[in-house]
Amino acid sequence: SDLCQQLYDVIRNHKKEDGTLLCDAFIRVPKRRQEPGYYEVVTNPIDLLKVQQKLKTDEYRDMDDLATDIQLMVTNAKAFYMRTSPEYKDANDLWELCMTTKNRIMEEYEESDHKGKIILKVGRLPRKVTRQDESEDTSESSTNPDEESMQPYEDLFMAVMTATDPIDNNRPLHTVFQLKPSKKLYPEYYDVIDTPIDLKTIARKIQEGAYTCLSEMERDLILMCRNACQFNEPGSQIYKDAKLLKKIIAAAVTGRKQDSNSSVFSKLTTPSTRSKRGSRNGQLVIAQTAGLRDEDEESEDEDDDTADVEETDNAQWQLFQTIRTAPNSQGVRMSEYFWKLPSKRMYPDYYKMIKNPISLLQIRSKIKKGEYGTVSEVAGDMNIMFENAKQYNVHTSRLYKCAVKLQKIMQEK
């Protein structure tokens, strides 16, 4: 419609005080080869070229539809770029421009009694948006609903993601709660649990602005823990983890309300955990969790990828499947730690220490492409992968122990 085109034109042509286009960073998404890390974080890329294409094909019913795509574009940018970066600030300003312009167009449209074409005067952004705060804390200057209230959700989510069990070598507690159990492998779970929920779902709800207050997110997290306790036996590890995580969630919420860490929270987390929480970009972790793939989704991909090799009883594929599906004592696949390489943005030290990084996903791709001549070559890459994990992680960590176990399984195979 004409209204959508006007809104797009303002966004596309608005200039900053230095004369450059505000939308420069949003015209095209980064190329996958040049910025592969972007696609580890962003699961649904979109840019202004895509928006323009959808305009030309009349895919937008109204300005709200267009604004939804702009919001996705802004959310993607803020998930990938650091808070202090120019791109992050431009994303905030672009959203402010979008909403201000959209409201102005609607006002003029209503005043004109829906007659004739609206001529919109394009001015500068309101003063609060164009003027850079002396502290350059752009995260507090935007009126984007996601941005205004994002920090409490980030803090609570990071409290969960960095929570550890202090009596078990500070083992991370969040791992088994990231994804709901597979419907194919655990159909009985869905007979018992009325409202399944996982950290992936909660992360997506944060991204989409589905929570109107922190207590709603807290209820989802508590429900997640309650589900685990309901389905699993009281003496099981998952049951114990759920109980401990529930205490940490309650303490984190209480601590935020009191504007200080509660004694319970201090006891249940370590100094190193708290320092990680301060250094990590919460939005990045939320975006990565929201982009996780369910076991059911992966199994469908694996069925497609391996249909031809299974017919020939391929030894390379047999070894891969053995490692891919090997469970720990709780029935969780140990290979999840090795499926993808660590994020370069979150773990730059990994790539300084590890000279030959490789993941199970890369090994699967090489098998599929026929790049291995023998099963020994597959085992060679797997051995490098496990040695990398042992080199980077302390010997008491869960990941180190999984690497040792899988390496032993591989050698026995």
Protein backbone atom coordinates (compact mmCIF):
# COMPACT_ATOMS: atom_id res chain seq x y z
CA SER A 1 0.00 0.00 0.00
CA ASP A 2 0.96 3.65 -0.28
CA LEU A 3 1.22 3.91 3.49
CA CYS A 4 3.73 1.05 3.69
CA GLN A 5 5.77 2.54 0.86
CA GLN A 6 5.91 5.90 2.63
CA LEU A 7 7.05 4.26 5.85
CA TYR A 8 9.73 2.31 3.97
CA ASP A 9 10.93 5.43 2.12
CA VAL A 10 11.44 7.32 5.37
CA ILE A 11 13.39 4.43 6.92
CA ARG A 12 15.45 3.94 3.76
CA ASN A 13 16.37 7.60 3.25
CA HIS A 14 16.75 9.00 6.76
CA LYS A 15 20.20 10.45 7.42
CA LYS A 16 22.09 10.78 10.68
CA GLU A 17 23.67 14.01 11.85
CA ASP A 18 26.94 13.08 10.12
CA GLY A 19 25.13 12.78 6.79
CA THR A 20 25.30 8.99 6.48
CA LEU A 21 22.22 6.83 6.07
CA LEU A 22 20.82 5.48 9.33
CA CYS A 23 19.93 2.22 7.57
CA ASP A 24 23.41 1.55 6.13
CA ALA A 25 24.01 -1.52 8.31
CA PHE A 26 20.58 -2.94 7.49
CA ILE A 27 20.44 -2.76 3.69
CA ARG A 28 22.02 -6.20 3.31
CA VAL A 29 22.56 -8.97 5.85
CA PRO A 30 26.22 -9.98 6.28
CA LYS A 31 27.46 -12.57 3.79
CA ARG A 32 27.73 -16.04 5.27
CA ARG A 33 31.35 -16.49 4.15
CA GLN A 34 32.48 -13.15 5.54
CA GLU A 35 30.56 -13.34 8.84
CA PRO A 36 29.62 -16.97 9.61
CA GLY A 37 29.13 -16.09 13.28
CA TYR A 38 26.11 -13.99 12.35
CA TYR A 39 24.25 -17.08 11.22
CA GLU A 40 25.09 -18.90 14.45
CA VAL A 41 23.18 -16.20 16.33
CA VAL A 42 20.47 -15.11 13.90
CA THR A 43 18.01 -17.81 12.88
CA ASN A 44 15.75 -15.65 10.71
CA PRO A 45 17.85 -13.10 8.77
CA ILE A 46 16.12 -10.17 7.06
CA ASP A 47 17.31 -6.91 5.50
CA LEU A 48 15.84 -3.87 3.76
CA LEU A 49 16.32 -5.44 0.33
CA LYS A 50 14.02 -8.26 1.43
CA VAL A 51 11.53 -5.73 2.80
CA GLN A 52 11.61 -3.84 -0.50
CA GLN A 53 10.98 -7.06 -2.41
CA LYS A 54 7.98 -7.87 -0.21
CA LEU A 55 6.66 -4.36 -0.81
CA LYS A 56 6.86 -4.83 -4.57
CA THR A 57 4.95 -8.10 -4.37
CA ASP A 58 2.28 -6.61 -2.05
CA GLU A 59 3.01 -9.03 0.78
CA TYR A 60 2.34 -6.46 3.50
CA ARG A 61 -1.30 -6.05 4.47
CA ASP A 62 -0.63 -2.90 6.48
CA MET A 63 2.08 -0.92 8.24
CA ASP A 64 1.94 -3.24 11.24
CA ASP A 65 3.12 -6.10 9.02
CA LEU A 66 6.01 -4.02 7.73
CA ALA A 67 6.90 -2.85 11.25
CA THR A 68 7.05 -6.49 12.36
CA ASP A 69 9.79 -7.16 9.79
CA ILE A 70 11.64 -4.01 10.83
CA GLN A 71 11.45 -5.13 14.45
CA LEU A 72 12.87 -8.54 13.49
CA MET A 73 15.69 -6.81 11.62
CA VAL A 74 16.42 -4.62 14.66
CA THR A 75 16.28 -7.57 17.07
CA ASN A 76 18.70 -9.54 14.89
CA ALA A 77 21.17 -6.67 14.85
CA LYS A 78 20.98 -6.19 18.61
CA ALA A 79 21.48 -9.90 19.20
CA PHE A 80 24.67 -9.94 17.12
CA TYR A 81 26.33 -6.57 17.71
CA MET A 82 27.72 -5.42 21.06
CA ARG A 83 25.78 -2.84 23.07
CA THR A 84 28.55 -0.28 22.60
CA SER A 85 28.74 -0.67 18.81
CA PRO A 86 27.45 1.92 16.28
CA GLU A 87 25.25 -0.78 14.73
CA TYR A 88 23.51 -1.41 18.05
CA LYS A 89 22.78 2.31 18.48
CA ASP A 90 21.59 2.57 14.87
CA ALA A 91 19.24 -0.36 15.47
CA ASN A 92 17.66 1.46 18.42
CA ASP A 93 17.35 4.68 16.42
CA LEU A 94 15.93 2.87 13.41
CA TRP A 95 13.18 1.30 15.51
CA GLU A 96 12.37 4.68 17.07
CA LEU A 97 12.20 6.21 13.59
CA CYS A 98 9.95 3.39 12.40
CA MET A 99 7.45 3.76 15.24
CA THR A 100 7.44 7.57 15.21
CA THR A 101 6.91 7.66 11.45
CA LYS A 102 4.26 4.95 11.51
CA ASN A 103 2.25 6.83 14.13
CA ARG A 104 2.61 10.10 12.24
CA ILE A 105 1.41 8.53 8.99
CA MET A 106 -1.63 7.07 10.73
CA GLU A 107 -2.49 10.42 12.31
CA GLU A 108 -2.28 12.21 8.97
CA TYR A 109 -4.23 9.43 7.30
CA GLU A 110 -7.04 9.69 9.83
CA GLU A 111 -7.06 13.50 9.64
CA SER A 112 -7.44 13.35 5.87
CA ASP A 113 -10.61 11.26 6.28
CA HIS A 114 -9.01 8.50 4.21
CA LYS A 115 -9.03 10.68 1.10
CA GLY A 116 -6.19 11.28 -1.35
CA LYS A 117 -2.53 10.53 -1.03
CA ILE A 118 -0.80 11.60 2.12
CA ILE A 119 2.27 13.78 1.75
CA LEU A 120 4.55 13.15 4.68
CA LYS A 121 7.15 15.67 5.72
CA VAL A 122 10.36 13.89 6.55
CA GLY A 123 12.16 15.51 9.43
CA ARG A 124 14.85 14.52 11.85
CA LEU A 125 14.31 12.10 14.68
CA PRO A 126 13.07 13.54 17.97
CA ARG A 127 15.80 15.17 20.02
CA LYS A 128 15.99 12.30 22.50
CA VAL A 129 16.96 9.95 19.67
CA THR A 130 19.38 12.05 17.62
CA ARG A 131 21.31 13.45 20.56
CA GLN A 132 23.90 11.07 21.86
CA ASP A 133 23.89 10.78 25.62
CA GLU A 134 27.11 11.86 27.29
CA SER A 135 27.57 8.40 28.70
CA GLU A 136 26.82 6.85 25.29
CA ASP A 137 24.55 4.33 27.02
CA THR A 138 22.27 3.83 24.05
CA SER A 139 20.52 0.89 25.68
CA GLU A 140 18.59 3.25 27.96
CA SER A 141 17.65 5.87 25.35
CA SER A 142 15.38 3.83 23.11
CA THR A 143 11.64 3.52 23.50
CA ASN A 144 11.62 0.14 21.82
CA PRO A 145 9.43 -2.03 24.09
CA ASP A 146 11.94 -4.88 23.82
CA GLU A 147 14.80 -2.59 24.80
CA GLU A 148 13.09 -0.76 27.68
CA SER A 149 12.46 -3.94 29.65
CA MET A 150 15.02 -6.32 28.15
CA GLN A 151 17.64 -6.15 30.91
CA PRO A 152 15.60 -7.85 33.68
CA TYR A 153 14.78 -10.75 31.35
CA GLU A 154 18.41 -11.01 30.23
CA ASP A 155 19.60 -11.05 33.83
CA LEU A 156 17.15 -13.75 34.88
CA PHE A 157 17.87 -15.85 31.78
CA MET A 158 21.62 -15.55 32.37
CA ALA A 159 21.13 -16.56 36.02
CA VAL A 160 19.67 -19.81 34.71
CA MET A 161 22.25 -20.30 31.95
CA THR A 162 25.19 -19.77 34.32
CA ALA A 163 23.75 -21.65 37.31
CA THR A 164 25.94 -24.49 38.54
CA ASP A 165 25.92 -27.27 41.11
CA PRO A 166 28.70 -26.33 43.59
CA ILE A 167 28.95 -29.85 45.02
CA ASP A 168 29.42 -31.42 41.56
CA ASN A 169 32.44 -29.53 40.19
CA ASN A 170 30.24 -26.53 39.30
CA ARG A 171 28.43 -28.59 36.68
CA PRO A 172 26.07 -26.43 34.54
CA LEU A 173 22.42 -27.03 35.41
CA HIS A 174 20.72 -25.64 32.31
CA THR A 175 21.82 -28.26 29.77
CA VAL A 176 18.95 -30.74 30.08
CA PHE A 177 16.38 -27.92 30.15
CA GLN A 178 17.37 -26.34 26.84
CA LEU A 179 15.06 -28.52 24.73
CA LYS A 180 11.91 -30.49 25.47
CA PRO A 181 12.21 -34.30 25.24
CA SER A 182 11.80 -35.75 21.75
CA LYS A 183 8.21 -36.74 20.98
CA LYS A 184 9.56 -39.69 19.01
CA LEU A 185 11.79 -41.00 21.81
CA TYR A 186 9.67 -40.01 24.82
CA PRO A 187 5.99 -39.98 23.79
CA GLU A 188 4.99 -40.81 27.37
CA TYR A 189 6.36 -37.43 28.50
CA TYR A 190 3.60 -35.68 26.60
CA ASP A 191 0.99 -37.97 28.17
CA VAL A 192 2.12 -36.92 31.65
CA ILE A 193 3.03 -33.24 31.16
CA ASP A 194 0.15 -30.91 30.28
CA THR A 195 2.24 -27.83 29.44
CA PRO A 196 5.74 -28.72 28.19
CA ILE A 197 8.20 -25.83 28.10
CA ASP A 198 11.95 -25.45 27.67
CA LEU A 199 14.61 -22.74 27.66
CA LYS A 200 14.38 -22.47 23.87
CA THR A 201 10.69 -21.53 24.15
CA ILE A 202 11.41 -19.03 26.93
CA ALA A 203 14.25 -17.46 24.91
CA ARG A 204 11.96 -17.03 21.92
CA LYS A 205 9.27 -15.45 24.09
CA ILE A 206 11.85 -12.95 25.35
CA GLN A 207 12.87 -12.12 21.77
CA GLU A 208 9.25 -11.70 20.69
CA GLY A 209 8.38 -9.47 23.66
CA ALA A 210 5.73 -11.95 24.82
CA TYR A 211 6.35 -11.28 28.51
CA THR A 212 4.64 -8.21 29.97
CA CYS A 213 6.39 -8.54 33.32
CA LEU A 214 9.23 -10.50 34.89
CA SER A 215 6.85 -12.61 36.99
CA GLU A 216 5.45 -14.15 33.79
CA MET A 217 8.93 -15.33 32.79
CA GLU A 218 9.52 -16.56 36.34
CA ARG A 219 6.32 -18.63 36.14
CA ASP A 220 7.51 -20.26 32.91
CA LEU A 221 10.87 -21.11 34.45
CA ILE A 222 9.24 -22.57 37.56
CA LEU A 223 6.85 -24.55 35.35
CA MET A 224 9.86 -25.94 33.48
CA CYS A 225 11.38 -27.14 36.77
CA ARG A 226 8.06 -28.48 38.02
CA ASN A 227 7.60 -30.51 34.83
CA ALA A 228 11.01 -32.11 35.32
CA CYS A 229 10.16 -33.04 38.91
CA GLN A 230 6.77 -34.41 37.89
CA PHE A 231 8.13 -36.68 35.15
CA ASN A 232 11.40 -37.86 36.72
CA GLU A 233 12.00 -39.95 39.83
CA PRO A 234 12.83 -38.01 43.05
CA GLY A 235 16.30 -39.54 43.29
CA SER A 236 17.30 -38.85 39.67
CA GLN A 237 19.88 -36.25 38.65
CA ILE A 238 17.38 -34.27 36.58
CA TYR A 239 14.99 -34.11 39.55
CA LYS A 240 17.77 -32.80 41.81
CA ASP A 241 18.90 -30.29 39.16
CA ALA A 242 15.34 -29.01 38.76
CA LYS A 243 15.00 -28.50 42.52
CA LEU A 244 18.31 -26.65 42.71
CA LEU A 245 17.57 -24.54 39.64
CA LYS A 246 14.17 -23.59 41.08
CA LYS A 247 15.90 -22.23 44.18
CA ILE A 248 18.35 -20.24 42.06
CA ILE A 249 15.52 -18.76 39.97
CA ALA A 250 13.60 -17.71 43.08
CA ALA A 251 16.74 -16.24 44.62
CA ALA A 252 17.62 -14.34 41.43
CA VAL A 253 14.16 -12.78 41.28
CA THR A 254 14.25 -11.90 44.97
CA GLY A 255 17.74 -10.51 44.59
CA ARG A 256 16.62 -8.27 41.75
CA LYS A 257 13.67 -6.99 43.76
CA GLN A 258 16.00 -6.16 46.63
CA ASP A 259 18.56 -4.73 44.20
CA SER A 260 21.20 -7.02 45.68
CA ASN A 261 22.26 -10.65 45.63
CA SER A 262 20.49 -12.80 48.20
CA SER A 263 22.49 -15.13 50.43
CA VAL A 264 20.94 -18.17 48.73
CA PHE A 265 22.00 -16.92 45.32
CA SER A 266 25.52 -16.23 46.53
CA LYS A 267 25.83 -19.76 47.89
CA LEU A 268 24.49 -21.44 44.79
CA THR A 269 26.74 -19.65 42.33
CA THR A 270 30.47 -19.14 42.20
CA PRO A 271 32.48 -15.93 41.65
CA SER A 272 33.54 -17.20 38.25
CA THR A 273 29.90 -17.78 37.34
CA ARG A 274 28.95 -14.26 38.34
CA SER A 275 31.84 -12.78 36.36
CA LYS A 276 30.69 -14.68 33.28
CA ARG A 277 27.23 -13.27 33.71
CA GLY A 278 28.65 -9.77 33.70
CA SER A 279 30.84 -10.29 30.66
CA ARG A 280 28.50 -12.19 28.34
CA ASN A 281 26.04 -10.47 26.11
CA GLY A 282 22.68 -11.67 27.40
CA GLN A 283 20.93 -11.08 24.10
CA LEU A 284 23.52 -13.21 22.32
CA VAL A 285 22.93 -16.16 24.65
CA ILE A 286 19.15 -15.72 24.32
CA ALA A 287 19.43 -15.69 20.53
CA GLN A 288 21.62 -18.80 20.49
CA THR A 289 19.21 -20.66 22.77
CA ALA A 290 16.22 -19.58 20.70
CA GLY A 291 17.96 -20.99 17.62
CA LEU A 292 18.58 -24.46 19.04
CA ARG A 293 17.19 -27.34 17.01
CA ASP A 294 14.95 -30.00 18.53
CA GLU A 295 16.03 -33.64 18.38
CA ASP A 296 12.99 -34.34 16.22
CA GLU A 297 14.10 -31.66 13.74
CA GLU A 298 17.64 -33.01 13.67
CA SER A 299 16.49 -36.60 13.22
CA GLU A 300 14.49 -35.54 10.17
CA ASP A 301 17.60 -33.92 8.71
CA GLU A 302 19.68 -36.97 9.53
CA ASP A 303 17.14 -39.21 7.81
CA ASP A 304 17.48 -37.09 4.67
CA ASP A 305 21.24 -36.87 4.85
CA THR A 306 21.89 -40.53 5.41
CA ALA A 307 19.33 -42.36 3.33
CA ASP A 308 21.84 -43.26 0.64
CA VAL A 309 24.78 -44.25 2.86
CA GLU A 310 22.69 -46.47 5.11
CA GLU A 311 21.81 -48.62 2.12
CA THR A 312 25.45 -49.59 1.65
CA ASP A 313 25.95 -50.28 5.36
CA ASN A 314 28.64 -47.58 5.42
CA ALA A 315 31.18 -48.12 8.23
CA GLN A 316 31.94 -44.40 8.40
CA TRP A 317 28.31 -43.63 9.04
CA GLN A 318 28.03 -46.42 11.62
CA LEU A 319 30.88 -44.88 13.62
CA PHE A 320 29.33 -41.44 13.37
CA GLN A 321 25.93 -42.68 14.56
CA THR A 322 27.52 -44.54 17.47
CA ILE A 323 29.16 -41.34 18.72
CA ARG A 324 26.18 -39.13 17.85
CA THR A 325 23.67 -41.18 19.85
CA ALA A 326 25.79 -42.34 22.82
CA PRO A 327 23.93 -41.38 26.04
CA ASN A 328 25.25 -40.50 29.48
CA SER A 329 23.89 -41.99 32.71
CA GLN A 330 20.87 -39.66 32.54
CA GLY A 331 20.03 -40.74 29.01
CA VAL A 332 21.15 -37.44 27.44
CA ARG A 333 23.33 -37.51 24.32
CA MET A 334 26.92 -36.66 25.20
CA SER A 335 27.53 -35.54 21.62
CA GLU A 336 25.52 -32.33 22.12
CA TYR A 337 28.66 -30.67 23.50
CA PHE A 338 30.52 -31.45 20.27
CA TRP A 339 27.82 -30.81 17.66
CA LYS A 340 28.95 -27.27 16.85
CA LEU A 341 32.12 -25.30 17.49
CA PRO A 342 32.08 -22.71 20.29
CA SER A 343 31.02 -19.20 19.28
CA LYS A 344 34.02 -17.11 18.23
CA ARG A 345 32.41 -14.04 19.79
CA MET A 346 31.83 -15.69 23.17
CA TYR A 347 34.96 -17.85 23.33
CA PRO A 348 37.73 -16.08 21.38
CA ASP A 349 40.33 -17.71 23.64
CA TYR A 350 39.25 -21.14 22.35
CA TYR A 351 40.49 -20.26 18.87
CA LYS A 352 43.78 -18.92 20.22
CA MET A 353 44.41 -22.18 22.06
CA ILE A 354 42.97 -24.71 19.59
CA LYS A 355 44.82 -24.79 16.27
CA ASN A 356 42.59 -27.29 14.45
CA PRO A 357 38.95 -26.82 15.54
CA ILE A 358 36.45 -29.39 14.28
CA SER A 359 32.88 -30.36 15.23
CA LEU A 360 30.59 -33.36 14.72
CA LEU A 361 28.52 -31.28 12.32
CA GLN A 362 31.60 -30.74 10.15
CA ILE A 363 32.48 -34.44 10.32
CA ARG A 364 28.95 -35.35 9.25
CA SER A 365 29.23 -32.96 6.32
CA LYS A 366 32.54 -34.52 5.24
CA ILE A 367 31.05 -38.03 5.38
CA LYS A 368 28.11 -36.87 3.31
CA LYS A 369 30.41 -35.34 0.68
CA GLY A 370 32.60 -38.45 0.53
CA GLU A 371 35.71 -36.60 1.71
CA TYR A 372 36.91 -39.50 3.90
CA GLY A 373 38.64 -42.42 2.22
CA THR A 374 38.48 -44.78 5.19
CA VAL A 375 36.75 -45.09 8.55
CA SER A 376 40.15 -44.49 10.15
CA GLU A 377 40.14 -40.97 8.72
CA VAL A 378 36.77 -40.32 10.35
CA ALA A 379 38.13 -41.62 13.65
CA GLY A 380 41.17 -39.37 13.18
CA ASP A 381 39.03 -36.23 12.99
CA MET A 382 36.94 -37.39 15.94
CA ASN A 383 40.10 -37.93 17.94
CA ILE A 384 41.21 -34.36 17.16
CA MET A 385 37.77 -33.13 18.28
CA PHE A 386 38.00 -34.97 21.61
CA GLU A 387 41.61 -33.91 22.23
CA ASN A 388 40.60 -30.29 21.57
CA ALA A 389 37.89 -30.58 24.22
CA LYS A 390 40.33 -32.11 26.71
CA GLN A 391 42.90 -29.40 26.00
CA TYR A 392 40.49 -26.49 26.48
CA ASN A 393 38.40 -27.76 29.42
CA VAL A 394 39.57 -28.64 32.92
CA HIS A 395 39.75 -32.37 33.65
CA THR A 396 37.01 -32.15 36.29
CA SER A 397 34.46 -30.61 33.91
CA ARG A 398 31.47 -32.49 32.49
CA LEU A 399 32.60 -31.74 28.93
CA TYR A 400 36.08 -33.18 29.55
CA LYS A 401 34.57 -36.36 31.00
CA CYS A 402 32.21 -36.71 28.03
CA ALA A 403 35.17 -36.36 25.66
CA VAL A 404 37.00 -39.17 27.48
CA LYS A 405 33.94 -41.45 27.42
CA LEU A 406 33.18 -40.85 23.75
CA GLN A 407 36.82 -41.30 22.83
CA LYS A 408 36.78 -44.67 24.57
CA ILE A 409 33.56 -45.67 22.78
CA MET A 410 35.12 -44.68 19.46
CA GLN A 411 38.26 -46.72 20.11
CA GLU A 412 36.21 -49.78 21.09
CA LYS A 413 34.10 -49.42 17.95
